[in-house]
C-alpha atoms as a PDB file:
ATOM      1  CA  UNK A   1       0.000   0.000   0.000  1.00  0.00           C
ATOM      2  CA  UNK A   2       0.901   3.641   0.134  1.00  0.00           C
ATOM      3  CA  UNK A   3       1.193   3.949   3.909  1.00  0.00           C
ATOM      4  CA  UNK A   4       4.516   2.069   3.853  1.00  0.00           C
ATOM      5  CA  UNK A   5       7.525   2.234   1.579  1.00  0.00           C
ATOM      6  CA  UNK A   6       6.752   0.877  -1.857  1.00  0.00           C
ATOM      7  CA  UNK A   7       9.578   0.013  -4.279  1.00  0.00           C
ATOM      8  CA  UNK A   8       7.496   0.601  -7.406  1.00  0.00           C
ATOM      9  CA  UNK A   9       6.189   3.961  -6.262  1.00  0.00           C
ATOM     10  CA  UNK A  10       9.699   4.949  -5.128  1.00  0.00           C
ATOM     11  CA  UNK A  11      11.034   4.051  -8.590  1.00  0.00           C
ATOM     12  CA  UNK A  12       8.367   6.234 -10.191  1.00  0.00           C
ATOM     13  CA  UNK A  13       9.312   9.098  -7.858  1.00  0.00           C
ATOM     14  CA  UNK A  14      12.973   8.634  -8.844  1.00  0.00           C
ATOM     15  CA  UNK A  15      12.070   8.791 -12.552  1.00  0.00           C
ATOM     16  CA  UNK A  16      10.004  11.924 -11.974  1.00  0.00           C
ATOM     17  CA  UNK A  17      12.853  13.566 -10.074  1.00  0.00           C
ATOM     18  CA  UNK A  18      14.743  13.690 -13.375  1.00  0.00           C
ATOM     19  CA  UNK A  19      11.931  14.422 -15.811  1.00  0.00           C
ATOM     20  CA  UNK A  20       8.584  16.229 -15.615  1.00  0.00           C
ATOM     21  CA  UNK A  21       6.837  13.415 -17.506  1.00  0.00           C
ATOM     22  CA  UNK A  22       7.407   9.718 -18.105  1.00  0.00           C
ATOM     23  CA  UNK A  23       8.484   9.581 -21.769  1.00  0.00           C
ATOM     24  CA  UNK A  24      11.132  11.908 -23.205  1.00  0.00           C
ATOM     25  CA  UNK A  25      10.174  14.696 -20.797  1.00  0.00           C
ATOM     26  CA  UNK A  26       6.937  15.421 -22.650  1.00  0.00           C
ATOM     27  CA  UNK A  27       3.329  14.657 -21.791  1.00  0.00           C
ATOM     28  CA  UNK A  28       2.212  11.412 -23.465  1.00  0.00           C
ATOM     29  CA  UNK A  29      -0.375   8.652 -23.310  1.00  0.00           C
ATOM     30  CA  UNK A  30       1.805   7.007 -20.633  1.00  0.00           C
ATOM     31  CA  UNK A  31       1.133  10.009 -18.390  1.00  0.00           C
ATOM     32  CA  UNK A  32      -2.607   9.799 -19.071  1.00  0.00           C
ATOM     33  CA  UNK A  33      -2.624   6.171 -17.920  1.00  0.00           C
ATOM     34  CA  UNK A  34      -0.374   6.544 -14.874  1.00  0.00           C
ATOM     35  CA  UNK A  35      -1.665   9.897 -13.635  1.00  0.00           C
ATOM     36  CA  UNK A  36      -5.308   8.873 -14.002  1.00  0.00           C
ATOM     37  CA  UNK A  37      -4.648   5.877 -11.780  1.00  0.00           C
ATOM     38  CA  UNK A  38      -2.693   7.897  -9.217  1.00  0.00           C
ATOM     39  CA  UNK A  39      -5.284  10.666  -9.088  1.00  0.00           C
ATOM     40  CA  UNK A  40      -7.956   8.182  -8.045  1.00  0.00           C
ATOM     41  CA  UNK A  41      -5.947   7.529  -4.884  1.00  0.00           C
ATOM     42  CA  UNK A  42      -6.478  11.023  -3.488  1.00  0.00           C
ATOM     43  CA  UNK A  43     -10.168  10.954  -4.406  1.00  0.00           C
ATOM     44  CA  UNK A  44     -10.895   7.700  -2.590  1.00  0.00           C
ATOM     45  CA  UNK A  45      -8.320   8.112   0.199  1.00  0.00           C
ATOM     46  CA  UNK A  46      -8.288  11.883   0.813  1.00  0.00           C
ATOM     47  CA  UNK A  47      -6.231  11.638   4.018  1.00  0.00           C
ATOM     48  CA  UNK A  48      -3.277   9.880   2.397  1.00  0.00           C
ATOM     49  CA  UNK A  49      -0.052  11.916   2.552  1.00  0.00           C
ATOM     50  CA  UNK A  50       2.051  11.219  -0.504  1.00  0.00           C
ATOM     51  CA  UNK A  51       4.271  14.291  -0.365  1.00  0.00           C
ATOM     52  CA  UNK A  52       6.374  13.295   2.641  1.00  0.00           C
ATOM     53  CA  UNK A  53       7.606  10.151   0.844  1.00  0.00           C
ATOM     54  CA  UNK A  54       7.142  10.956  -2.843  1.00  0.00           C
ATOM     55  CA  UNK A  55       7.231  14.712  -3.536  1.00  0.00           C
ATOM     56  CA  UNK A  56       7.983  14.255  -7.231  1.00  0.00           C
ATOM     57  CA  UNK A  57       4.863  12.152  -7.675  1.00  0.00           C
ATOM     58  CA  UNK A  58       2.756  14.835  -6.012  1.00  0.00           C
ATOM     59  CA  UNK A  59       4.218  17.485  -8.323  1.00  0.00           C
ATOM     60  CA  UNK A  60       3.546  15.225 -11.309  1.00  0.00           C
ATOM     61  CA  UNK A  61      -0.016  14.488 -10.230  1.00  0.00           C
ATOM     62  CA  UNK A  62      -0.725  18.182  -9.760  1.00  0.00           C
ATOM     63  CA  UNK A  63       0.729  19.000 -13.181  1.00  0.00           C
ATOM     64  CA  UNK A  64      -1.353  16.299 -14.859  1.00  0.00           C
ATOM     65  CA  UNK A  65      -4.550  17.183 -12.975  1.00  0.00           C
ATOM     66  CA  UNK A  66      -4.117  20.820 -13.943  1.00  0.00           C
ATOM     67  CA  UNK A  67      -4.146  20.087 -17.657  1.00  0.00           C
ATOM     68  CA  UNK A  68      -7.127  21.258 -19.681  1.00  0.00           C
ATOM     69  CA  UNK A  69      -7.815  17.723 -20.909  1.00  0.00           C
ATOM     70  CA  UNK A  70      -8.081  16.369 -17.361  1.00  0.00           C
ATOM     71  CA  UNK A  71     -10.770  18.927 -16.587  1.00  0.00           C
ATOM     72  CA  UNK A  72     -12.659  17.999 -19.747  1.00  0.00           C
ATOM     73  CA  UNK A  73     -12.415  14.272 -19.046  1.00  0.00           C
ATOM     74  CA  UNK A  74     -13.211  14.251 -15.326  1.00  0.00           C
ATOM     75  CA  UNK A  75     -15.040  17.555 -14.823  1.00  0.00           C
ATOM     76  CA  UNK A  76     -14.033  20.856 -13.316  1.00  0.00           C
ATOM     77  CA  UNK A  77     -15.156  19.868  -9.814  1.00  0.00           C
ATOM     78  CA  UNK A  78     -12.928  16.788  -9.707  1.00  0.00           C
ATOM     79  CA  UNK A  79     -10.072  18.723 -11.276  1.00  0.00           C
ATOM     80  CA  UNK A  80     -10.420  21.541  -8.742  1.00  0.00           C
ATOM     81  CA  UNK A  81     -10.475  19.096  -5.849  1.00  0.00           C
ATOM     82  CA  UNK A  82      -7.394  17.224  -7.064  1.00  0.00           C
ATOM     83  CA  UNK A  83      -5.339  20.350  -7.723  1.00  0.00           C
ATOM     84  CA  UNK A  84      -6.336  21.863  -4.362  1.00  0.00           C
ATOM     85  CA  UNK A  85      -5.649  18.657  -2.397  1.00  0.00           C
ATOM     86  CA  UNK A  86      -2.255  18.205  -4.043  1.00  0.00           C
ATOM     87  CA  UNK A  87      -1.445  21.841  -3.309  1.00  0.00           C
ATOM     88  CA  UNK A  88      -2.281  21.192   0.344  1.00  0.00           C
ATOM     89  CA  UNK A  89       0.066  18.206   0.332  1.00  0.00           C
ATOM     90  CA  UNK A  90       2.871  20.299  -1.141  1.00  0.00           C
ATOM     91  CA  UNK A  91       2.404  23.061   1.430  1.00  0.00           C
ATOM     92  CA  UNK A  92       1.955  20.696   4.366  1.00  0.00           C
ATOM     93  CA  UNK A  93      -1.569  22.000   5.014  1.00  0.00           C
ATOM     94  CA  UNK A  94      -4.259  19.571   6.092  1.00  0.00           C
ATOM     95  CA  UNK A  95      -1.848  17.220   7.882  1.00  0.00           C
ATOM     96  CA  UNK A  96      -3.446  17.700  11.271  1.00  0.00           C
ATOM     97  CA  UNK A  97      -5.565  14.716  12.189  1.00  0.00           C
ATOM     98  CA  UNK A  98      -9.134  15.478  13.213  1.00  0.00           C
ATOM     99  CA  UNK A  99     -11.133  13.468  15.695  1.00  0.00           C
ATOM    100  CA  UNK A 100     -13.747  11.409  13.829  1.00  0.00           C
ATOM    101  CA  UNK A 101     -13.036  13.370  10.640  1.00  0.00           C
ATOM    102  CA  UNK A 102     -14.396  16.622  12.134  1.00  0.00           C
END
């Protein structure tokens, strides 16, 4: 899972530390596939903190979610949520745990 170290996710973070996108440094269908999968994580598990372990993945997810095509495919509401949540992760906001989610 994502709560512990994950070799595959760490490898992806390492790749993204050297390049903004997965193939030749440019946005491609590989990014559509990978980012779409990753962006579901924060929608279904909103309390997960990816930035502390994988900051390059968070940057990548935010970049992909901010693209015009993502908004068209998933809707402006989902896009806005993803970009805002990833921004919170980057800034460290929202890390405080709330009792019973309140």
